[in-house]
Amino acid sequence: MERFENTALSLEQAATAFAALGSEQRLGVLQTLVRAGPDGLPMGELGERSGVMGSTLTHHLKFLTAAGLVIQAKQGRSIICAAVAYDMAETLSSFLLRNCCADTDEGHDHD
């Protein structure tokens, strides 16, 4: 499955991803997918493991997919959800920290 490989996020992209993580159930679904590894899980199993079922799961996956945190792919007659949080989490962390200390004395060159 494809992975998120963008190393630079815009403010809008980062805000979308952080907003998607602002729900306890969405965060739980994402954690379930991260634990499952890069092969992901079929929808039914994801629902069982996360405790989020049916249309509620579909609703939350829509947000996570739009934010680039999850991709869905059809394999045979099943829909597989795979977490792409590995790269995206790293990218979000870098987004927050890329200008760390830029406005402090340590962030400026001294002559």
C-alpha atoms as a PDB file:
ATOM      1  CA  MET A   1       0.000   0.000   0.000  1.00  0.00           C
ATOM      2  CA  GLU A   2       1.136   3.528  -0.640  1.00  0.00           C
ATOM      3  CA  ARG A   3       2.578   5.587   2.159  1.00  0.00           C
ATOM      4  CA  PHE A   4       2.488   9.289   2.970  1.00  0.00           C
ATOM      5  CA  GLU A   5       5.916  10.632   2.050  1.00  0.00           C
ATOM      6  CA  ASN A   6       5.525  14.402   2.118  1.00  0.00           C
ATOM      7  CA  THR A   7       8.232  15.839   4.335  1.00  0.00           C
ATOM      8  CA  ALA A   8       6.901  19.412   4.402  1.00  0.00           C
ATOM      9  CA  LEU A   9       3.377  20.196   5.502  1.00  0.00           C
ATOM     10  CA  SER A  10       1.524  23.416   4.990  1.00  0.00           C
ATOM     11  CA  LEU A  11      -0.194  24.975   7.977  1.00  0.00           C
ATOM     12  CA  GLU A  12      -3.535  23.869   6.491  1.00  0.00           C
ATOM     13  CA  GLN A  13      -2.410  20.231   6.081  1.00  0.00           C
ATOM     14  CA  ALA A  14      -1.060  20.109   9.627  1.00  0.00           C
ATOM     15  CA  ALA A  15      -4.257  21.659  11.029  1.00  0.00           C
ATOM     16  CA  THR A  16      -6.354  19.060   9.174  1.00  0.00           C
ATOM     17  CA  ALA A  17      -4.268  16.200  10.562  1.00  0.00           C
ATOM     18  CA  PHE A  18      -4.308  17.536  14.110  1.00  0.00           C
ATOM     19  CA  ALA A  19      -8.072  18.149  13.898  1.00  0.00           C
ATOM     20  CA  ALA A  20      -8.568  14.526  12.802  1.00  0.00           C
ATOM     21  CA  LEU A  21      -6.682  13.414  15.902  1.00  0.00           C
ATOM     22  CA  GLY A  22      -8.896  15.578  18.116  1.00  0.00           C
ATOM     23  CA  SER A  23     -11.470  12.814  18.602  1.00  0.00           C
ATOM     24  CA  GLU A  24     -10.941  10.125  21.208  1.00  0.00           C
ATOM     25  CA  GLN A  25     -12.555   7.495  18.953  1.00  0.00           C
ATOM     26  CA  ARG A  26     -10.501   8.503  15.889  1.00  0.00           C
ATOM     27  CA  LEU A  27      -7.326   8.429  17.940  1.00  0.00           C
ATOM     28  CA  GLY A  28      -8.287   4.961  19.192  1.00  0.00           C
ATOM     29  CA  VAL A  29      -8.922   3.733  15.633  1.00  0.00           C
ATOM     30  CA  LEU A  30      -5.554   5.098  14.533  1.00  0.00           C
ATOM     31  CA  GLN A  31      -3.785   3.472  17.488  1.00  0.00           C
ATOM     32  CA  THR A  32      -5.436   0.154  16.595  1.00  0.00           C
ATOM     33  CA  LEU A  33      -4.120   0.467  13.040  1.00  0.00           C
ATOM     34  CA  VAL A  34      -0.640   1.418  14.213  1.00  0.00           C
ATOM     35  CA  ARG A  35      -0.581  -1.680  16.449  1.00  0.00           C
ATOM     36  CA  ALA A  36      -1.712  -3.829  13.502  1.00  0.00           C
ATOM     37  CA  GLY A  37       1.318  -2.798  11.446  1.00  0.00           C
ATOM     38  CA  PRO A  38       1.753  -1.796   7.813  1.00  0.00           C
ATOM     39  CA  ASP A  39      -0.556  -4.500   6.409  1.00  0.00           C
ATOM     40  CA  GLY A  40      -3.558  -2.890   8.104  1.00  0.00           C
ATOM     41  CA  LEU A  41      -6.820  -4.593   9.004  1.00  0.00           C
ATOM     42  CA  PRO A  42     -10.099  -5.480   7.307  1.00  0.00           C
ATOM     43  CA  MET A  43     -12.907  -3.099   8.338  1.00  0.00           C
ATOM     44  CA  GLY A  44     -14.715  -5.727  10.448  1.00  0.00           C
ATOM     45  CA  GLU A  45     -11.625  -6.621  12.416  1.00  0.00           C
ATOM     46  CA  LEU A  46     -10.722  -2.960  12.848  1.00  0.00           C
ATOM     47  CA  GLY A  47     -14.177  -2.368  14.311  1.00  0.00           C
ATOM     48  CA  GLU A  48     -13.873  -5.288  16.709  1.00  0.00           C
ATOM     49  CA  ARG A  49     -10.402  -4.331  17.898  1.00  0.00           C
ATOM     50  CA  SER A  50     -11.138  -0.614  18.255  1.00  0.00           C
ATOM     51  CA  GLY A  51     -14.670  -0.952  19.621  1.00  0.00           C
ATOM     52  CA  VAL A  52     -15.954   1.424  16.935  1.00  0.00           C
ATOM     53  CA  MET A  53     -18.384  -0.232  14.555  1.00  0.00           C
ATOM     54  CA  GLY A  54     -20.489   0.366  11.455  1.00  0.00           C
ATOM     55  CA  SER A  55     -21.312   3.837  10.242  1.00  0.00           C
ATOM     56  CA  THR A  56     -19.449   5.428  13.165  1.00  0.00           C
ATOM     57  CA  LEU A  57     -16.233   3.696  12.078  1.00  0.00           C
ATOM     58  CA  THR A  58     -16.832   4.740   8.463  1.00  0.00           C
ATOM     59  CA  HIS A  59     -17.380   8.340   9.612  1.00  0.00           C
ATOM     60  CA  HIS A  60     -14.125   8.415  11.586  1.00  0.00           C
ATOM     61  CA  LEU A  61     -12.139   6.750   8.801  1.00  0.00           C
ATOM     62  CA  LYS A  62     -13.348   9.457   6.427  1.00  0.00           C
ATOM     63  CA  PHE A  63     -11.681  12.106   8.630  1.00  0.00           C
ATOM     64  CA  LEU A  64      -8.498  10.087   9.106  1.00  0.00           C
ATOM     65  CA  THR A  65      -8.241   9.368   5.379  1.00  0.00           C
ATOM     66  CA  ALA A  66      -8.803  13.026   4.432  1.00  0.00           C
ATOM     67  CA  ALA A  67      -6.020  13.991   6.849  1.00  0.00           C
ATOM     68  CA  GLY A  68      -3.563  11.559   5.235  1.00  0.00           C
ATOM     69  CA  LEU A  69      -3.346   9.420   8.347  1.00  0.00           C
ATOM     70  CA  VAL A  70      -5.114   6.350   6.932  1.00  0.00           C
ATOM     71  CA  ILE A  71      -5.526   4.862   3.484  1.00  0.00           C
ATOM     72  CA  GLN A  72      -8.125   2.326   2.452  1.00  0.00           C
ATOM     73  CA  ALA A  73      -7.635  -0.214  -0.308  1.00  0.00           C
ATOM     74  CA  LYS A  74      -9.842  -2.958  -1.637  1.00  0.00           C
ATOM     75  CA  GLN A  75      -8.324  -6.450  -1.574  1.00  0.00           C
ATOM     76  CA  GLY A  76     -10.653  -9.000  -3.073  1.00  0.00           C
ATOM     77  CA  ARG A  77     -13.992  -8.506  -1.383  1.00  0.00           C
ATOM     78  CA  SER A  78     -12.558  -6.836   1.722  1.00  0.00           C
ATOM     79  CA  ILE A  79     -11.656  -3.251   2.389  1.00  0.00           C
ATOM     80  CA  ILE A  80      -8.304  -3.073   4.134  1.00  0.00           C
ATOM     81  CA  CYS A  81      -7.386  -0.048   6.240  1.00  0.00           C
ATOM     82  CA  ALA A  82      -3.714   0.629   6.667  1.00  0.00           C
ATOM     83  CA  ALA A  83      -2.272   3.201   9.027  1.00  0.00           C
ATOM     84  CA  VAL A  84       0.050   5.662   7.405  1.00  0.00           C
ATOM     85  CA  ALA A  85       0.612   7.328  10.737  1.00  0.00           C
ATOM     86  CA  TYR A  86       4.258   6.294  10.858  1.00  0.00           C
ATOM     87  CA  ASP A  87       5.394   8.824   8.247  1.00  0.00           C
ATOM     88  CA  MET A  88       2.656  11.335   8.993  1.00  0.00           C
ATOM     89  CA  ALA A  89       3.291  11.320  12.754  1.00  0.00           C
ATOM     90  CA  GLU A  90       6.946  11.983  12.066  1.00  0.00           C
ATOM     91  CA  THR A  91       6.018  14.746   9.642  1.00  0.00           C
ATOM     92  CA  LEU A  92       3.603  16.315  12.152  1.00  0.00           C
ATOM     93  CA  SER A  93       6.273  16.200  14.839  1.00  0.00           C
ATOM     94  CA  SER A  94       8.780  17.824  12.499  1.00  0.00           C
ATOM     95  CA  PHE A  95       6.193  20.449  11.600  1.00  0.00           C
ATOM     96  CA  LEU A  96       5.834  21.403  15.257  1.00  0.00           C
ATOM     97  CA  LEU A  97       9.548  21.365  16.008  1.00  0.00           C
ATOM     98  CA  ARG A  98      11.154  22.606  12.786  1.00  0.00           C
ATOM     99  CA  ASN A  99      11.480  26.175  14.068  1.00  0.00           C
ATOM    100  CA  CYS A 100      12.352  25.173  17.608  1.00  0.00           C
ATOM    101  CA  CYS A 101      14.214  27.888  19.467  1.00  0.00           C
ATOM    102  CA  ALA A 102      14.421  30.149  16.395  1.00  0.00           C
ATOM    103  CA  ASP A 103      13.402  33.181  18.458  1.00  0.00           C
ATOM    104  CA  THR A 104      15.725  32.535  21.389  1.00  0.00           C
ATOM    105  CA  ASP A 105      19.363  33.460  21.862  1.00  0.00           C
ATOM    106  CA  GLU A 106      20.323  29.845  21.041  1.00  0.00           C
ATOM    107  CA  GLY A 107      18.543  30.104  17.702  1.00  0.00           C
ATOM    108  CA  HIS A 108      20.562  33.144  16.546  1.00  0.00           C
ATOM    109  CA  ASP A 109      24.177  33.248  15.406  1.00  0.00           C
ATOM    110  CA  HIS A 110      26.431  35.363  17.571  1.00  0.00           C
ATOM    111  CA  ASP A 111      29.390  37.310  16.182  1.00  0.00           C
END
